[in-house]
Amino acid sequence: MPSDTLKRTLRDPVVLLALGLLAVLAVLVLVPVAGLVSSTLRPEGLDAWRDVLTGRLAPALLHEPLLNSLLVGAVTAIGAVVIGGGLAWVVVMTDVPLRRTITFLASVPFALPSFALALAWESVFRNDLVGGRVGLLTDLGLTVPDWLAWGPVPVSATLIAHYYSLSFLLTAAALATVNSELVEAAELTGASRLRVARSIALPVVLPAVISGALLAFAEGVSNFAAPAVLGLPVRFHTLSTRAYGAITTGQTERGYVLSVVLVVVAAIVLLVSTRLAGRRKSFATITGKGARRKRVRLGAARLPVTAAVLLLVALTSIVPGLLLLTSSLLERTGSFTSGFTTHFWTGASDPSMAQGMAGILRNPQIVSAFWTTLALGLSVAVAASVLGLLLGYVMTRLRPADPLQAGLGKGLALLSYLPFLVPGVALGAAFIAQFGRPIGPLPALYGTFAILVIAGVAATLPFASQAGRSAVGQISPDVEEAATTAGAGLGRRLFSIVLPLSSRGLLAGGVLVFVNIVRDLSLLVLLVTPATPLLSVLTYRYASEGFTQFANAVTVVIVVISLAATLFARRLEGASQPWLEER
């Protein structure tokens, strides 16, 4: 009978675990987003909707920030695809030397905080338009035009430098699957290189190009750090900075409305990306026959192309770090003639310097922020990895033939993907809207370490669930069936079989979650209070208050932590870049 079947299904431990995870994801993701939307439907929220959409201040609150966000997103997408795609073609399809070095350096910018690149740009190009300190070029007597120092050009340039890595990795992976035998066959028939690229290579890489472009567009639209550093001083607002400004100045309902708009824009972009990529035809590019990769010989252009590529990746990976480190050692901001000092790193409190603030290694607030940041990163990494393991196990063990189990799998997949559609500032606003006040017997969580951990787990859920699904998916169910026959229950199988066998992949995924939290600003900037200081938020506050050396020094610390963790994760993942293989 159907009722008997349902009862047996509900007694299945995997189904019970799936139901429990569904409830957890609903609390982590669905409830905050729903709370954010519902808060805008109250009388105050409806007034805010009218102000934002049609009110006298609508151009300043919504229209201009929306256009600015779309402009930055579009330029970021185009630049990331052109640079990342072109670099991928050079590395994968030509005989350029130092491919491993180029690939490593090209992947570094995405591991850096976006505000690191913005601060590096400011250290060089800042002029005296907004008064106060200037950058290195202005200090040397050069005239830096306003459009190069502030506004959409530097914001877009730093975001392109940050996100081209994503397009490079996606396109390189796709180009690596192009069958060399097809290329050789086409050339033998007399097809030109342009015809070969258009008819063979382009159809294979187009889904990756589209995905990279739209992901870069969505990230550019929702990014907070770069517009905050390089746009706010000249009142160049995007949706994210306008929402942040509204919430932090007491216009909470307007901030929530702008956050909802930001969610809708990002969701539309990413859903369009999914549909476009999904509609592309698939091509069989991997056969059972080994093939030697044929690379285009650059000839006389080999040396200049190599030099240009190395210059590009160095400017976006090595130079920003050196600029930040050097700037943190200057006695006067942006001036090499002022001399160098280690005061901003190790100096004691001195009334004649930096308003009496001690160096970052002796500043109790920064030391506290360092340990809080590490504790947050580790807490979120552990919690997200455990949740990712359970999600990966359930989604790979549910039976698609059973309608209930298939529905549970789809629900879990949707909820675990949903945070990817919610920009960081909007997700932070959602947690404030939902958990900023008491809920029944539960106290308000705003200002506590707990809300940072919960929000961090929710934000990194897509990475953790994908890592868990990939790790558990490699474990054959036959191994568990033998343990079940021996009488092992679900808990015993998870801890004795699944966890040890998937630990390497889970650890790599956990390290990436750790890096995302340590470098994050967009999600945490609204949630952090003086009781829970974090390095990324202190960096932004120091930069906005004019303490450039302190901001740059703290950023260097974040960069070192992020790069060390990223290198560790890559070592755990092993060889995952087939275009580097010499075949």
Protein backbone atom coordinates (compact mmCIF):
# COMPACT_ATOMS: atom_id res chain seq x y z
CA MET A 1 0.00 0.00 0.00
CA PRO A 2 1.18 3.60 -0.66
CA SER A 3 0.91 4.44 3.06
CA ASP A 4 3.12 1.48 3.94
CA THR A 5 5.66 2.61 1.36
CA LEU A 6 5.58 6.13 2.81
CA LYS A 7 6.10 4.80 6.32
CA ARG A 8 9.06 2.70 5.22
CA THR A 9 10.53 5.71 3.41
CA LEU A 10 10.15 7.93 6.46
CA ARG A 11 11.88 5.31 8.61
CA ASP A 12 14.90 5.35 6.29
CA PRO A 13 17.78 7.02 8.23
CA VAL A 14 18.94 8.86 5.09
CA VAL A 15 15.47 10.35 4.60
CA LEU A 16 15.28 11.39 8.25
CA LEU A 17 18.69 13.02 7.95
CA ALA A 18 17.53 14.78 4.77
CA LEU A 19 14.46 16.16 6.55
CA GLY A 20 16.64 17.43 9.40
CA LEU A 21 19.03 19.10 6.96
CA LEU A 22 16.10 20.67 5.13
CA ALA A 23 15.02 22.28 8.42
CA VAL A 24 18.57 23.51 9.11
CA LEU A 25 18.91 25.05 5.64
CA ALA A 26 15.51 26.69 5.99
CA VAL A 27 16.70 28.42 9.18
CA LEU A 28 20.07 29.36 7.67
CA VAL A 29 18.86 30.60 4.29
CA LEU A 30 15.13 30.74 3.75
CA VAL A 31 14.11 32.35 7.04
CA PRO A 32 16.60 35.30 6.84
CA VAL A 33 15.74 36.08 3.22
CA ALA A 34 12.02 35.78 3.93
CA GLY A 35 12.48 37.97 7.01
CA LEU A 36 14.25 40.59 4.91
CA VAL A 37 11.43 40.65 2.36
CA SER A 38 8.67 40.64 5.01
CA SER A 39 10.29 43.55 6.84
CA THR A 40 9.78 45.66 3.70
CA LEU A 41 6.07 44.81 3.60
CA ARG A 42 5.27 46.45 6.94
CA PRO A 43 3.91 50.03 6.91
CA GLU A 44 7.40 51.53 7.33
CA GLY A 45 8.73 49.21 4.64
CA LEU A 46 5.97 50.14 2.20
CA ASP A 47 6.80 53.81 2.73
CA ALA A 48 10.43 52.94 2.00
CA TRP A 49 9.41 51.18 -1.23
CA ARG A 50 7.60 54.36 -2.35
CA ASP A 51 10.60 56.52 -1.43
CA VAL A 52 13.04 54.26 -3.26
CA LEU A 53 10.95 53.62 -6.39
CA THR A 54 9.03 56.83 -7.03
CA GLY A 55 9.84 59.35 -4.29
CA ARG A 56 11.65 62.64 -4.60
CA LEU A 57 14.91 60.94 -3.59
CA ALA A 58 14.43 57.95 -5.91
CA PRO A 59 17.15 59.07 -8.39
CA ALA A 60 19.74 59.27 -5.62
CA LEU A 61 18.52 56.20 -3.72
CA LEU A 62 17.91 53.78 -6.58
CA HIS A 63 18.15 55.02 -10.15
CA GLU A 64 21.75 56.29 -10.14
CA PRO A 65 23.13 53.49 -7.91
CA LEU A 66 21.38 50.88 -10.07
CA LEU A 67 22.80 52.33 -13.29
CA ASN A 68 26.24 52.58 -11.69
CA SER A 69 26.02 48.95 -10.53
CA LEU A 70 24.99 47.76 -13.99
CA LEU A 71 27.76 49.82 -15.61
CA VAL A 72 30.42 48.42 -13.29
CA GLY A 73 29.06 44.91 -13.72
CA ALA A 74 29.06 45.13 -17.52
CA VAL A 75 32.58 46.55 -17.75
CA THR A 76 33.84 43.97 -15.25
CA ALA A 77 32.29 41.14 -17.25
CA ILE A 78 33.72 42.32 -20.58
CA GLY A 79 37.16 43.00 -19.16
CA ALA A 80 37.31 39.72 -17.23
CA VAL A 81 36.34 37.68 -20.30
CA VAL A 82 38.72 39.48 -22.68
CA ILE A 83 41.71 39.28 -20.33
CA GLY A 84 40.93 35.92 -18.73
CA GLY A 85 39.87 34.28 -21.99
CA GLY A 86 42.83 35.65 -23.93
CA LEU A 87 45.23 34.54 -21.23
CA ALA A 88 43.65 31.07 -21.18
CA TRP A 89 44.09 30.74 -24.94
CA VAL A 90 47.77 31.70 -24.70
CA VAL A 91 48.46 29.25 -21.86
CA VAL A 92 46.49 26.29 -23.22
CA MET A 93 46.72 26.60 -26.99
CA THR A 94 50.20 28.03 -27.63
CA ASP A 95 53.77 27.02 -26.88
CA VAL A 96 54.29 29.89 -24.44
CA PRO A 97 56.87 28.89 -21.75
CA LEU A 98 56.40 29.09 -17.95
CA ARG A 99 52.79 27.89 -18.13
CA ARG A 100 52.77 26.74 -14.50
CA THR A 101 54.11 30.07 -13.27
CA ILE A 102 51.62 32.01 -15.36
CA THR A 103 48.71 29.84 -14.21
CA PHE A 104 49.65 30.23 -10.56
CA LEU A 105 50.05 34.00 -10.77
CA ALA A 106 46.81 34.33 -12.76
CA SER A 107 44.89 32.51 -10.02
CA VAL A 108 46.30 34.64 -7.19
CA PRO A 109 44.07 37.76 -7.65
CA PHE A 110 40.89 35.76 -6.98
CA ALA A 111 42.43 34.54 -3.70
CA LEU A 112 43.09 38.14 -2.61
CA PRO A 113 40.47 40.37 -0.98
CA SER A 114 39.00 42.74 -3.54
CA PHE A 115 39.74 45.65 -1.20
CA ALA A 116 43.47 44.74 -1.38
CA LEU A 117 43.50 45.62 -5.07
CA ALA A 118 41.42 48.74 -4.41
CA LEU A 119 43.82 49.93 -1.71
CA ALA A 120 46.80 49.21 -3.97
CA TRP A 121 45.20 51.29 -6.73
CA GLU A 122 44.53 54.12 -4.28
CA SER A 123 48.14 54.01 -3.07
CA VAL A 124 49.33 54.76 -6.60
CA PHE A 125 46.64 56.89 -8.28
CA ARG A 126 44.95 58.84 -5.47
CA ASN A 127 44.96 62.59 -6.23
CA ASP A 128 44.00 65.62 -4.14
CA LEU A 129 40.38 65.85 -5.34
CA VAL A 130 38.98 64.92 -1.93
CA GLY A 131 41.83 66.47 0.06
CA GLY A 132 44.12 64.84 2.56
CA ARG A 133 46.75 62.31 1.53
CA VAL A 134 47.76 61.63 -2.08
CA GLY A 135 49.14 58.61 -3.95
CA LEU A 136 52.64 57.90 -5.17
CA LEU A 137 52.18 59.46 -8.62
CA THR A 138 50.79 62.74 -7.30
CA ASP A 139 53.56 62.86 -4.68
CA LEU A 140 56.11 62.57 -7.49
CA GLY A 141 54.61 65.64 -9.15
CA LEU A 142 52.56 63.89 -11.81
CA THR A 143 48.98 64.94 -12.53
CA VAL A 144 46.48 62.13 -12.08
CA PRO A 145 43.11 62.92 -13.71
CA ASP A 146 40.04 62.58 -11.50
CA TRP A 147 38.49 59.87 -13.69
CA LEU A 148 41.58 57.68 -13.14
CA ALA A 149 41.70 58.23 -9.37
CA TRP A 150 38.01 57.92 -8.50
CA GLY A 151 34.72 56.57 -9.76
CA PRO A 152 33.75 53.90 -12.28
CA VAL A 153 37.11 53.51 -14.04
CA PRO A 154 39.23 52.53 -11.01
CA VAL A 155 36.34 50.53 -9.50
CA SER A 156 35.90 48.55 -12.73
CA ALA A 157 39.66 48.16 -13.25
CA THR A 158 40.23 46.68 -9.79
CA LEU A 159 37.24 44.35 -10.15
CA ILE A 160 38.50 43.17 -13.56
CA ALA A 161 41.90 42.49 -11.99
CA HIS A 162 40.13 40.51 -9.24
CA TYR A 163 37.67 38.48 -11.33
CA TYR A 164 39.59 37.75 -14.55
CA SER A 165 41.07 34.79 -12.67
CA LEU A 166 37.63 33.19 -12.61
CA SER A 167 37.19 33.56 -16.37
CA PHE A 168 40.75 32.32 -16.95
CA LEU A 169 40.25 29.11 -14.97
CA LEU A 170 36.84 28.34 -16.53
CA THR A 171 38.01 29.02 -20.09
CA ALA A 172 41.32 27.17 -19.66
CA ALA A 173 39.51 24.08 -18.38
CA ALA A 174 37.18 24.20 -21.41
CA LEU A 175 40.02 24.75 -23.91
CA ALA A 176 41.86 21.78 -22.43
CA THR A 177 39.05 19.52 -23.71
CA VAL A 178 39.36 20.65 -27.34
CA ASN A 179 40.30 17.57 -29.34
CA SER A 180 43.58 18.18 -31.17
CA GLU A 181 42.71 15.55 -33.76
CA LEU A 182 39.66 17.55 -34.84
CA VAL A 183 41.81 20.65 -35.18
CA GLU A 184 44.40 18.78 -37.27
CA ALA A 185 41.71 17.25 -39.47
CA ALA A 186 40.16 20.67 -40.12
CA GLU A 187 43.55 22.16 -40.99
CA LEU A 188 44.24 19.29 -43.42
CA THR A 189 41.02 20.14 -45.28
CA GLY A 190 42.29 23.67 -45.77
CA ALA A 191 40.34 25.43 -43.01
CA SER A 192 41.93 28.67 -41.81
CA ARG A 193 42.87 29.17 -38.16
CA LEU A 194 39.98 31.61 -37.83
CA ARG A 195 37.56 29.01 -39.22
CA VAL A 196 38.96 26.35 -36.88
CA ALA A 197 38.61 28.66 -33.88
CA ARG A 198 35.06 29.65 -34.85
CA SER A 199 33.79 26.19 -35.77
CA ILE A 200 35.63 23.89 -33.32
CA ALA A 201 37.11 25.73 -30.35
CA LEU A 202 34.43 28.40 -29.84
CA PRO A 203 31.43 26.03 -29.48
CA VAL A 204 33.34 24.07 -26.83
CA VAL A 205 34.43 27.06 -24.74
CA LEU A 206 31.36 29.27 -25.23
CA PRO A 207 29.46 27.90 -22.18
CA ALA A 208 32.51 28.58 -19.99
CA VAL A 209 32.89 32.07 -21.48
CA ILE A 210 29.22 32.87 -20.87
CA SER A 211 29.36 31.52 -17.33
CA GLY A 212 32.53 33.47 -16.56
CA ALA A 213 31.08 36.68 -18.00
CA LEU A 214 27.79 36.50 -16.13
CA LEU A 215 29.42 35.47 -12.87
CA ALA A 216 31.81 38.41 -13.17
CA PHE A 217 28.83 40.65 -13.98
CA ALA A 218 26.92 39.49 -10.89
CA GLU A 219 29.98 39.89 -8.67
CA GLY A 220 30.67 43.34 -10.11
CA VAL A 221 27.09 44.44 -9.47
CA SER A 222 27.10 43.26 -5.86
CA ASN A 223 30.71 44.00 -4.80
CA PHE A 224 30.99 46.39 -1.86
CA ALA A 225 34.70 46.80 -1.16
CA ALA A 226 35.97 48.42 -4.38
CA PRO A 227 33.11 50.96 -4.73
CA ALA A 228 33.41 51.79 -1.03
CA VAL A 229 37.15 52.55 -1.26
CA LEU A 230 37.30 54.19 -4.70
CA GLY A 231 33.75 55.48 -5.18
CA LEU A 232 32.31 56.74 -1.91
CA PRO A 233 34.83 59.61 -1.47
CA VAL A 234 33.39 61.19 -4.67
CA ARG A 235 29.81 60.00 -4.00
CA PHE A 236 29.88 57.34 -6.68
CA HIS A 237 27.29 54.98 -5.23
CA THR A 238 26.31 51.47 -6.24
CA LEU A 239 23.41 49.46 -4.84
CA SER A 240 25.63 47.76 -2.27
CA THR A 241 27.21 50.97 -0.94
CA ARG A 242 23.85 52.76 -0.92
CA ALA A 243 22.23 49.91 1.03
CA TYR A 244 25.14 49.90 3.51
CA GLY A 245 24.92 53.68 3.92
CA ALA A 246 21.17 53.58 4.49
CA ILE A 247 21.35 50.88 7.18
CA THR A 248 24.30 52.41 9.03
CA THR A 249 22.68 55.87 9.13
CA GLY A 250 19.40 54.70 10.62
CA GLN A 251 17.39 54.46 7.37
CA THR A 252 16.96 50.75 7.97
CA GLU A 253 13.83 50.15 5.90
CA ARG A 254 15.32 51.89 2.87
CA GLY A 255 18.44 49.77 3.28
CA TYR A 256 16.33 46.61 3.38
CA VAL A 257 14.45 47.65 0.24
CA LEU A 258 17.70 48.32 -1.61
CA SER A 259 19.01 44.94 -0.41
CA VAL A 260 15.94 43.23 -1.87
CA VAL A 261 16.52 45.02 -5.18
CA LEU A 262 20.15 43.89 -5.10
CA VAL A 263 19.08 40.28 -4.52
CA VAL A 264 16.66 40.45 -7.45
CA VAL A 265 19.29 41.89 -9.81
CA ALA A 266 21.91 39.30 -8.84
CA ALA A 267 19.39 36.46 -9.01
CA ILE A 268 18.23 37.46 -12.51
CA VAL A 269 21.82 37.59 -13.77
CA LEU A 270 22.78 34.22 -12.33
CA LEU A 271 19.57 32.53 -13.45
CA VAL A 272 20.12 33.86 -16.97
CA SER A 273 23.65 32.47 -16.77
CA THR A 274 22.33 29.05 -15.77
CA ARG A 275 19.75 28.99 -18.56
CA LEU A 276 22.20 30.11 -21.24
CA ALA A 277 24.83 27.61 -20.16
CA GLY A 278 22.21 24.88 -19.89
CA ARG A 279 20.91 25.48 -23.42
CA ARG A 280 24.31 25.06 -25.01
CA LYS A 281 24.74 21.79 -26.81
CA SER A 282 27.23 19.36 -25.32
CA PHE A 283 30.16 18.13 -27.36
CA ALA A 284 32.04 14.87 -27.01
CA THR A 285 35.62 16.02 -26.60
CA ILE A 286 37.06 13.14 -24.56
CA THR A 287 37.56 9.82 -26.28
CA GLY A 288 39.19 6.56 -25.35
CA LYS A 289 42.03 7.33 -27.70
CA GLY A 290 45.06 9.15 -26.36
CA ALA A 291 46.09 12.29 -28.20
CA ARG A 292 49.06 14.58 -28.04
CA ARG A 293 48.06 18.16 -27.47
CA LYS A 294 49.01 20.31 -30.43
CA ARG A 295 50.01 23.84 -29.49
CA VAL A 296 50.21 26.82 -31.81
CA ARG A 297 53.80 27.88 -32.35
CA LEU A 298 54.23 31.58 -31.65
CA GLY A 299 57.52 31.83 -33.52
CA ALA A 300 59.06 35.30 -33.33
CA ALA A 301 56.16 36.50 -31.16
CA ARG A 302 56.95 33.96 -28.43
CA LEU A 303 59.24 36.24 -26.42
CA PRO A 304 57.08 39.42 -26.55
CA VAL A 305 53.90 37.45 -25.83
CA THR A 306 55.55 35.78 -22.84
CA ALA A 307 56.79 39.12 -21.55
CA ALA A 308 53.34 40.72 -21.94
CA VAL A 309 51.60 37.83 -20.18
CA LEU A 310 54.09 37.79 -17.30
CA LEU A 311 53.73 41.56 -16.92
CA LEU A 312 49.94 41.25 -16.79
CA VAL A 313 49.84 38.53 -14.14
CA ALA A 314 52.59 40.22 -12.11
CA LEU A 315 50.71 43.53 -12.10
CA THR A 316 47.63 41.83 -10.69
CA SER A 317 49.25 39.42 -8.25
CA ILE A 318 52.75 40.44 -7.11
CA VAL A 319 52.70 44.23 -7.54
CA PRO A 320 49.59 44.91 -5.38
CA GLY A 321 51.12 43.04 -2.46
CA LEU A 322 54.44 44.87 -2.82
CA LEU A 323 52.64 48.21 -3.07
CA LEU A 324 50.66 47.55 0.09
CA LEU A 325 53.73 46.38 1.98
CA THR A 326 55.79 49.38 0.82
CA SER A 327 52.99 51.84 1.57
CA SER A 328 52.66 50.45 5.09
CA LEU A 329 56.32 51.34 5.71
CA LEU A 330 56.19 54.96 4.49
CA GLU A 331 56.50 57.56 7.21
CA ARG A 332 54.09 59.83 5.36
CA THR A 333 51.29 58.42 3.24
CA GLY A 334 52.16 58.14 -0.45
CA SER A 335 55.55 59.84 -0.13
CA PHE A 336 58.82 58.01 -0.79
CA THR A 337 60.75 61.17 0.12
CA SER A 338 59.40 61.09 3.68
CA GLY A 339 61.44 58.01 4.52
CA PHE A 340 60.52 54.59 5.83
CA THR A 341 59.50 53.40 9.27
CA THR A 342 58.31 50.23 10.94
CA HIS A 343 56.16 52.23 13.36
CA PHE A 344 52.90 51.17 11.72
CA TRP A 345 53.88 47.55 12.31
CA THR A 346 55.78 47.43 15.59
CA GLY A 347 55.89 50.98 16.97
CA ALA A 348 54.70 51.90 20.46
CA SER A 349 52.12 54.60 20.98
CA ASP A 350 53.58 57.98 19.98
CA PRO A 351 51.48 61.18 20.13
CA SER A 352 53.48 62.62 17.22
CA MET A 353 52.49 59.79 14.85
CA ALA A 354 49.10 58.46 13.70
CA GLN A 355 47.27 60.22 16.55
CA GLY A 356 49.07 58.09 19.10
CA MET A 357 48.02 54.70 17.67
CA ALA A 358 50.48 51.85 18.21
CA GLY A 359 51.66 49.60 15.37
CA ILE A 360 49.35 46.77 14.35
CA LEU A 361 51.43 44.11 16.10
CA ARG A 362 51.16 46.07 19.37
CA ASN A 363 47.63 47.39 18.98
CA PRO A 364 45.28 45.44 21.29
CA GLN A 365 42.29 46.05 19.00
CA ILE A 366 44.07 44.66 15.95
CA VAL A 367 45.53 41.73 17.87
CA SER A 368 42.02 40.96 19.15
CA ALA A 369 40.66 41.28 15.60
CA PHE A 370 43.35 38.89 14.35
CA TRP A 371 42.37 36.16 16.79
CA THR A 372 38.67 36.81 16.29
CA THR A 373 39.14 36.55 12.52
CA LEU A 374 41.01 33.26 12.83
CA ALA A 375 38.42 31.92 15.29
CA LEU A 376 35.60 32.93 12.95
CA GLY A 377 37.31 31.42 9.92
CA LEU A 378 37.98 28.13 11.69
CA SER A 379 34.50 27.98 13.25
CA VAL A 380 32.76 28.60 9.94
CA ALA A 381 35.09 26.19 8.11
CA VAL A 382 34.41 23.36 10.57
CA ALA A 383 30.66 23.97 10.74
CA ALA A 384 30.31 24.39 6.97
CA SER A 385 32.44 21.29 6.29
CA VAL A 386 30.31 19.14 8.61
CA LEU A 387 27.14 20.49 7.01
CA GLY A 388 28.66 20.00 3.56
CA LEU A 389 29.58 16.41 4.38
CA LEU A 390 26.04 15.63 5.51
CA LEU A 391 24.52 17.37 2.49
CA GLY A 392 26.88 15.60 0.11
CA TYR A 393 26.10 12.25 1.71
CA VAL A 394 22.33 12.73 1.59
CA MET A 395 22.22 14.11 -1.96
CA THR A 396 24.31 11.22 -3.29
CA ARG A 397 22.42 8.53 -1.36
CA LEU A 398 18.81 9.59 -1.90
CA ARG A 399 17.09 7.45 -4.54
CA PRO A 400 15.88 9.51 -7.54
CA ALA A 401 13.31 6.80 -8.38
CA ASP A 402 11.41 7.56 -5.17
CA PRO A 403 9.31 10.76 -5.64
CA LEU A 404 9.69 11.82 -2.00
CA GLN A 405 13.43 11.29 -1.97
CA ALA A 406 13.82 12.98 -5.35
CA GLY A 407 11.88 15.99 -4.03
CA LEU A 408 14.03 16.15 -0.90
CA GLY A 409 17.17 16.08 -3.03
CA LYS A 410 15.94 18.93 -5.22
CA GLY A 411 14.92 20.96 -2.18
CA LEU A 412 18.31 20.53 -0.54
CA ALA A 413 20.12 21.39 -3.77
CA LEU A 414 18.03 24.56 -4.21
CA LEU A 415 18.48 25.79 -0.65
CA SER A 416 22.21 25.06 -0.65
CA TYR A 417 22.56 27.06 -3.91
CA LEU A 418 20.32 29.98 -2.83
CA PRO A 419 23.02 31.94 -0.91
CA PHE A 420 24.94 32.24 -4.18
CA LEU A 421 22.08 34.41 -5.43
CA VAL A 422 22.21 36.75 -2.42
CA PRO A 423 24.99 39.37 -2.43
CA GLY A 424 26.98 39.74 0.79
CA VAL A 425 25.57 43.11 1.89
CA ALA A 426 22.02 41.88 1.27
CA LEU A 427 22.63 38.65 3.20
CA GLY A 428 24.08 40.63 6.10
CA ALA A 429 21.00 42.85 6.05
CA ALA A 430 18.79 39.75 6.01
CA PHE A 431 20.43 38.41 9.17
CA ILE A 432 20.03 41.75 10.91
CA ALA A 433 16.36 41.88 9.89
CA GLN A 434 15.71 38.35 11.16
CA PHE A 435 18.03 37.94 14.14
CA GLY A 436 18.54 41.55 15.19
CA ARG A 437 15.63 41.27 17.60
CA PRO A 438 14.53 38.60 20.09
CA ILE A 439 12.58 35.66 18.67
CA GLY A 440 10.47 34.07 21.38
CA PRO A 441 12.81 32.86 24.12
CA LEU A 442 15.87 33.41 21.92
CA PRO A 443 17.74 36.69 22.53
CA ALA A 444 18.77 39.08 19.78
CA LEU A 445 21.97 37.81 18.14
CA TYR A 446 23.14 41.08 16.61
CA GLY A 447 26.55 42.03 17.99
CA THR A 448 27.43 38.47 19.00
CA PHE A 449 30.02 36.07 17.63
CA ALA A 450 27.23 33.55 17.00
CA ILE A 451 25.55 35.65 14.29
CA LEU A 452 28.89 35.96 12.48
CA VAL A 453 29.32 32.19 12.48
CA ILE A 454 25.73 31.52 11.37
CA ALA A 455 25.91 34.12 8.60
CA GLY A 456 29.31 32.80 7.51
CA VAL A 457 28.04 29.23 7.28
CA ALA A 458 25.01 30.39 5.28
CA ALA A 459 27.14 32.47 2.88
CA THR A 460 29.65 29.66 2.23
CA LEU A 461 27.02 26.93 1.94
CA PRO A 462 27.33 26.62 -1.87
CA PHE A 463 31.10 25.95 -1.61
CA ALA A 464 30.74 23.54 1.31
CA SER A 465 27.88 21.55 -0.20
CA GLN A 466 29.68 21.24 -3.54
CA ALA A 467 32.87 20.09 -1.81
CA GLY A 468 30.90 17.57 0.24
CA ARG A 469 29.01 16.25 -2.75
CA SER A 470 32.21 15.88 -4.77
CA ALA A 471 34.06 14.12 -1.93
CA VAL A 472 31.27 11.73 -0.95
CA GLY A 473 30.34 11.05 -4.57
CA GLN A 474 33.66 9.27 -5.04
CA ILE A 475 32.81 6.69 -2.36
CA SER A 476 31.04 3.62 -3.73
CA PRO A 477 27.81 2.68 -1.89
CA ASP A 478 29.08 -0.91 -1.92
CA VAL A 479 31.49 -0.04 0.88
CA GLU A 480 28.59 1.10 3.07
CA GLU A 481 26.43 -1.86 2.13
CA ALA A 482 29.06 -4.21 3.54
CA ALA A 483 29.11 -2.22 6.79
CA THR A 484 25.29 -2.22 6.93
CA THR A 485 25.28 -6.00 6.55
CA ALA A 486 27.67 -6.17 9.52
CA GLY A 487 25.16 -4.17 11.59
CA ALA A 488 26.67 -0.67 11.42
CA GLY A 489 24.14 2.14 11.75
CA LEU A 490 24.12 5.44 9.90
CA GLY A 491 26.21 7.28 12.49
CA ARG A 492 28.84 4.55 12.59
CA ARG A 493 29.06 4.47 8.79
CA LEU A 494 29.42 8.25 8.60
CA PHE A 495 32.23 8.48 11.15
CA SER A 496 34.04 5.23 10.38
CA ILE A 497 33.76 5.07 6.58
CA VAL A 498 32.49 8.23 4.88
CA LEU A 499 34.43 10.80 6.92
CA PRO A 500 37.89 9.14 6.64
CA LEU A 501 37.51 8.43 2.92
CA SER A 502 36.30 11.95 2.08
CA SER A 503 38.52 13.83 4.53
CA ARG A 504 41.01 15.11 1.93
CA GLY A 505 38.34 16.70 -0.27
CA LEU A 506 36.47 18.05 2.74
CA LEU A 507 39.65 19.58 4.15
CA ALA A 508 40.36 21.32 0.84
CA GLY A 509 36.79 22.65 0.76
CA GLY A 510 37.08 23.75 4.40
CA VAL A 511 40.26 25.69 3.66
CA LEU A 512 38.52 27.53 0.80
CA VAL A 513 35.63 28.38 3.14
CA PHE A 514 38.18 29.67 5.67
CA VAL A 515 39.78 31.90 3.01
CA ASN A 516 36.41 33.29 1.93
CA ILE A 517 35.54 34.27 5.49
CA VAL A 518 38.94 35.73 6.38
CA ARG A 519 38.94 38.02 3.34
CA ASP A 520 35.20 38.82 3.32
CA LEU A 521 33.98 42.38 3.80
CA SER A 522 30.59 42.60 2.07
CA LEU A 523 28.83 40.06 4.34
CA LEU A 524 30.45 41.07 7.62
CA VAL A 525 30.61 44.85 7.35
CA LEU A 526 27.01 45.22 8.62
CA LEU A 527 27.27 42.50 11.29
CA VAL A 528 30.50 43.47 13.05
CA THR A 529 30.38 45.54 16.25
CA PRO A 530 33.21 46.77 18.52
CA ALA A 531 32.66 43.63 20.59
CA THR A 532 33.53 41.42 17.61
CA PRO A 533 36.30 43.17 15.63
CA LEU A 534 37.50 41.57 12.39
CA LEU A 535 40.55 42.36 10.28
CA SER A 536 38.66 43.01 7.03
CA VAL A 537 36.24 45.48 8.64
CA LEU A 538 39.05 47.25 10.53
CA THR A 539 40.88 47.61 7.22
CA TYR A 540 37.90 49.34 5.64
CA ARG A 541 37.42 51.63 8.64
CA TYR A 542 41.10 52.57 8.78
CA ALA A 543 41.07 53.33 5.05
CA SER A 544 37.91 55.43 5.26
CA GLU A 545 39.30 57.38 8.25
CA GLY A 546 42.62 58.15 6.54
CA PHE A 547 44.90 55.74 8.41
CA THR A 548 46.31 54.36 5.16
CA GLN A 549 49.45 52.72 6.52
CA PHE A 550 47.44 50.82 9.13
CA ALA A 551 44.87 49.77 6.51
CA ASN A 552 47.57 48.55 4.15
CA ALA A 553 49.47 46.71 6.89
CA VAL A 554 46.36 44.86 8.07
CA THR A 555 45.55 44.03 4.44
CA VAL A 556 49.02 42.50 4.01
CA VAL A 557 48.30 40.25 7.00
CA ILE A 558 45.01 39.16 5.42
CA VAL A 559 46.74 38.54 2.07
CA VAL A 560 49.39 36.35 3.71
CA ILE A 561 46.75 34.29 5.53
CA SER A 562 44.64 33.92 2.37
CA LEU A 563 47.54 32.94 0.12
CA ALA A 564 48.96 30.44 2.61
CA ALA A 565 45.57 28.77 3.03
CA THR A 566 44.94 28.80 -0.75
CA LEU A 567 48.28 27.14 -1.47
CA PHE A 568 47.49 24.51 1.15
CA ALA A 569 44.11 23.86 -0.46
CA ARG A 570 45.66 23.52 -3.92
CA ARG A 571 48.17 21.00 -2.61
CA LEU A 572 45.33 18.99 -1.10
CA GLU A 573 43.32 19.11 -4.34
CA GLY A 574 46.28 17.78 -6.32
CA ALA A 575 46.60 18.11 -10.09
CA SER A 576 43.38 19.66 -11.36
CA GLN A 577 44.71 21.65 -14.31
CA PRO A 578 45.19 19.31 -17.29
CA TRP A 579 46.32 22.08 -19.62
CA LEU A 580 49.64 22.16 -17.76
CA GLU A 581 50.47 18.59 -18.66
CA GLU A 582 53.14 18.10 -21.26
CA ARG A 583 51.81 15.42 -23.56
